[in-house]
Amino acid sequence: MGIMREQADTRQISLGKAVQAIRENHPQVAESICRAWLAHNPGCLWHLRVLGHALMNQGQLDEAESSQRFALQLDPDNSEMEEDLASVLAMKGQPAEAVSHFQRAIRLEPVRPLP
């Protein structure tokens, strides 16, 4: 049980650092932190989500889309991931598909304010 708790704590510290890097407008730092974590834990949804944001902030939209689609494969009913994918698609100039994902995000969690 102690090992699992230690890994959860380490994950939270890593995520906190990555989110802070995004807030401080250092997306390359956030990307590096997320990639380091994902190299050993490829299915961590929250590191995938932050990686997607870091990539979007750097204009790497194709890779951001891939990251968000992979996250949705892992958790298909995650409204936050749907919203993130919709945002990437909107940035890529694909409004019809973006609207579809925004609508799905709303259906999954109608109280979310952003979609």
C-alpha atoms as a PDB file:
ATOM      1  CA  MET A   1       0.000   0.000   0.000  1.00  0.00           C
ATOM      2  CA  GLY A   2       2.881   2.387   0.759  1.00  0.00           C
ATOM      3  CA  ILE A   3       4.332   2.065  -2.753  1.00  0.00           C
ATOM      4  CA  MET A   4       1.010   2.946  -4.369  1.00  0.00           C
ATOM      5  CA  ARG A   5       0.611   5.963  -2.091  1.00  0.00           C
ATOM      6  CA  GLU A   6       4.164   7.089  -2.843  1.00  0.00           C
ATOM      7  CA  GLN A   7       3.540   6.837  -6.594  1.00  0.00           C
ATOM      8  CA  ALA A   8       0.286   8.813  -6.243  1.00  0.00           C
ATOM      9  CA  ASP A   9       2.136  11.513  -4.309  1.00  0.00           C
ATOM     10  CA  THR A  10       4.902  11.599  -6.919  1.00  0.00           C
ATOM     11  CA  ARG A  11       2.277  11.860  -9.683  1.00  0.00           C
ATOM     12  CA  GLN A  12       0.615  14.793  -7.920  1.00  0.00           C
ATOM     13  CA  ILE A  13       3.935  16.583  -7.468  1.00  0.00           C
ATOM     14  CA  SER A  14       4.769  16.062 -11.138  1.00  0.00           C
ATOM     15  CA  LEU A  15       1.344  17.313 -12.233  1.00  0.00           C
ATOM     16  CA  GLY A  16       1.606  20.308  -9.939  1.00  0.00           C
ATOM     17  CA  LYS A  17       4.944  21.280 -11.454  1.00  0.00           C
ATOM     18  CA  ALA A  18       3.602  20.854 -14.993  1.00  0.00           C
ATOM     19  CA  VAL A  19       0.485  22.922 -14.300  1.00  0.00           C
ATOM     20  CA  GLN A  20       2.573  25.617 -12.649  1.00  0.00           C
ATOM     21  CA  ALA A  21       4.820  25.727 -15.721  1.00  0.00           C
ATOM     22  CA  ILE A  22       1.729  26.247 -17.919  1.00  0.00           C
ATOM     23  CA  ARG A  23       0.517  29.041 -15.624  1.00  0.00           C
ATOM     24  CA  GLU A  24       3.924  30.712 -15.798  1.00  0.00           C
ATOM     25  CA  ASN A  25       3.879  30.505 -19.606  1.00  0.00           C
ATOM     26  CA  HIS A  26       6.588  27.860 -19.840  1.00  0.00           C
ATOM     27  CA  PRO A  27       4.842  25.220 -21.936  1.00  0.00           C
ATOM     28  CA  GLN A  28       8.124  23.586 -22.961  1.00  0.00           C
ATOM     29  CA  VAL A  29       8.860  22.887 -19.281  1.00  0.00           C
ATOM     30  CA  ALA A  30       5.374  21.424 -18.807  1.00  0.00           C
ATOM     31  CA  GLU A  31       5.857  19.300 -21.917  1.00  0.00           C
ATOM     32  CA  SER A  32       9.163  17.968 -20.604  1.00  0.00           C
ATOM     33  CA  ILE A  33       7.693  17.121 -17.198  1.00  0.00           C
ATOM     34  CA  CYS A  34       4.722  15.333 -18.752  1.00  0.00           C
ATOM     35  CA  ARG A  35       6.823  13.397 -21.252  1.00  0.00           C
ATOM     36  CA  ALA A  36       9.158  12.244 -18.475  1.00  0.00           C
ATOM     37  CA  TRP A  37       6.209  10.957 -16.447  1.00  0.00           C
ATOM     38  CA  LEU A  38       4.463   9.392 -19.444  1.00  0.00           C
ATOM     39  CA  ALA A  39       7.641   7.551 -20.465  1.00  0.00           C
ATOM     40  CA  HIS A  40       7.087   5.312 -17.430  1.00  0.00           C
ATOM     41  CA  ASN A  41       3.324   5.735 -16.987  1.00  0.00           C
ATOM     42  CA  PRO A  42       1.847   6.065 -20.490  1.00  0.00           C
ATOM     43  CA  GLY A  43      -1.765   5.836 -19.378  1.00  0.00           C
ATOM     44  CA  CYS A  44      -1.854   8.780 -16.966  1.00  0.00           C
ATOM     45  CA  LEU A  45      -4.849  10.795 -18.172  1.00  0.00           C
ATOM     46  CA  TRP A  46      -3.931  13.959 -16.331  1.00  0.00           C
ATOM     47  CA  HIS A  47      -0.369  14.069 -17.640  1.00  0.00           C
ATOM     48  CA  LEU A  48      -1.791  13.492 -21.136  1.00  0.00           C
ATOM     49  CA  ARG A  49      -4.201  16.376 -20.583  1.00  0.00           C
ATOM     50  CA  VAL A  50      -1.506  18.787 -19.422  1.00  0.00           C
ATOM     51  CA  LEU A  51       0.762  17.619 -22.251  1.00  0.00           C
ATOM     52  CA  GLY A  52      -2.030  18.473 -24.687  1.00  0.00           C
ATOM     53  CA  HIS A  53      -2.300  21.970 -23.223  1.00  0.00           C
ATOM     54  CA  ALA A  54       1.468  22.459 -23.376  1.00  0.00           C
ATOM     55  CA  LEU A  55       1.498  21.371 -27.011  1.00  0.00           C
ATOM     56  CA  MET A  56      -1.442  23.655 -27.863  1.00  0.00           C
ATOM     57  CA  ASN A  57       0.378  26.575 -26.267  1.00  0.00           C
ATOM     58  CA  GLN A  58       3.344  25.863 -28.519  1.00  0.00           C
ATOM     59  CA  GLY A  59       1.231  25.539 -31.664  1.00  0.00           C
ATOM     60  CA  GLN A  60       1.884  21.799 -31.989  1.00  0.00           C
ATOM     61  CA  LEU A  61      -1.744  21.103 -32.740  1.00  0.00           C
ATOM     62  CA  ASP A  62      -1.449  17.748 -34.505  1.00  0.00           C
ATOM     63  CA  GLU A  63       0.421  16.227 -31.583  1.00  0.00           C
ATOM     64  CA  ALA A  64      -1.954  17.878 -29.103  1.00  0.00           C
ATOM     65  CA  GLU A  65      -4.853  16.287 -30.959  1.00  0.00           C
ATOM     66  CA  SER A  66      -3.161  12.879 -30.848  1.00  0.00           C
ATOM     67  CA  SER A  67      -2.551  13.210 -27.118  1.00  0.00           C
ATOM     68  CA  GLN A  68      -6.189  14.115 -26.436  1.00  0.00           C
ATOM     69  CA  ARG A  69      -7.531  11.347 -28.663  1.00  0.00           C
ATOM     70  CA  PHE A  70      -5.338   8.822 -26.839  1.00  0.00           C
ATOM     71  CA  ALA A  71      -6.616  10.098 -23.493  1.00  0.00           C
ATOM     72  CA  LEU A  72     -10.203   9.692 -24.732  1.00  0.00           C
ATOM     73  CA  GLN A  73      -9.465   6.115 -25.754  1.00  0.00           C
ATOM     74  CA  LEU A  74      -8.426   5.455 -22.170  1.00  0.00           C
ATOM     75  CA  ASP A  75     -11.485   7.219 -20.699  1.00  0.00           C
ATOM     76  CA  PRO A  76     -14.145   7.682 -23.400  1.00  0.00           C
ATOM     77  CA  ASP A  77     -16.674   9.340 -21.099  1.00  0.00           C
ATOM     78  CA  ASN A  78     -14.409  12.084 -19.787  1.00  0.00           C
ATOM     79  CA  SER A  79     -16.012  15.467 -20.445  1.00  0.00           C
ATOM     80  CA  GLU A  80     -12.799  17.393 -19.766  1.00  0.00           C
ATOM     81  CA  MET A  81     -10.913  15.388 -22.390  1.00  0.00           C
ATOM     82  CA  GLU A  82     -13.777  15.921 -24.865  1.00  0.00           C
ATOM     83  CA  GLU A  83     -13.603  19.641 -24.195  1.00  0.00           C
ATOM     84  CA  ASP A  84      -9.824  19.694 -24.678  1.00  0.00           C
ATOM     85  CA  LEU A  85     -10.082  17.787 -27.956  1.00  0.00           C
ATOM     86  CA  ALA A  86     -12.789  20.190 -29.126  1.00  0.00           C
ATOM     87  CA  SER A  87     -10.513  23.134 -28.330  1.00  0.00           C
ATOM     88  CA  VAL A  88      -7.650  21.652 -30.336  1.00  0.00           C
ATOM     89  CA  LEU A  89      -9.947  20.980 -33.274  1.00  0.00           C
ATOM     90  CA  ALA A  90     -11.280  24.536 -33.137  1.00  0.00           C
ATOM     91  CA  MET A  91      -7.715  25.860 -33.152  1.00  0.00           C
ATOM     92  CA  LYS A  92      -6.993  23.658 -36.178  1.00  0.00           C
ATOM     93  CA  GLY A  93      -9.895  25.201 -38.060  1.00  0.00           C
ATOM     94  CA  GLN A  94     -12.170  22.156 -37.858  1.00  0.00           C
ATOM     95  CA  PRO A  95     -15.310  23.763 -36.394  1.00  0.00           C
ATOM     96  CA  ALA A  96     -17.803  21.026 -37.267  1.00  0.00           C
ATOM     97  CA  GLU A  97     -15.861  18.323 -35.464  1.00  0.00           C
ATOM     98  CA  ALA A  98     -15.047  20.730 -32.623  1.00  0.00           C
ATOM     99  CA  VAL A  99     -18.762  21.470 -32.100  1.00  0.00           C
ATOM    100  CA  SER A 100     -19.494  17.744 -32.035  1.00  0.00           C
ATOM    101  CA  HIS A 101     -16.965  17.209 -29.237  1.00  0.00           C
ATOM    102  CA  PHE A 102     -18.161  20.284 -27.317  1.00  0.00           C
ATOM    103  CA  GLN A 103     -21.717  18.912 -27.524  1.00  0.00           C
ATOM    104  CA  ARG A 104     -20.566  15.525 -26.269  1.00  0.00           C
ATOM    105  CA  ALA A 105     -18.736  17.212 -23.367  1.00  0.00           C
ATOM    106  CA  ILE A 106     -21.970  19.009 -22.455  1.00  0.00           C
ATOM    107  CA  ARG A 107     -23.996  15.799 -22.654  1.00  0.00           C
ATOM    108  CA  LEU A 108     -21.482  14.006 -20.428  1.00  0.00           C
ATOM    109  CA  GLU A 109     -21.400  16.751 -17.817  1.00  0.00           C
ATOM    110  CA  PRO A 110     -24.052  19.438 -18.348  1.00  0.00           C
ATOM    111  CA  VAL A 111     -22.893  21.559 -15.399  1.00  0.00           C
ATOM    112  CA  ARG A 112     -19.381  22.177 -16.778  1.00  0.00           C
ATOM    113  CA  PRO A 113     -19.183  25.903 -17.476  1.00  0.00           C
ATOM    114  CA  LEU A 114     -16.749  26.072 -20.404  1.00  0.00           C
ATOM    115  CA  PRO A 115     -18.208  23.925 -23.206  1.00  0.00           C
END
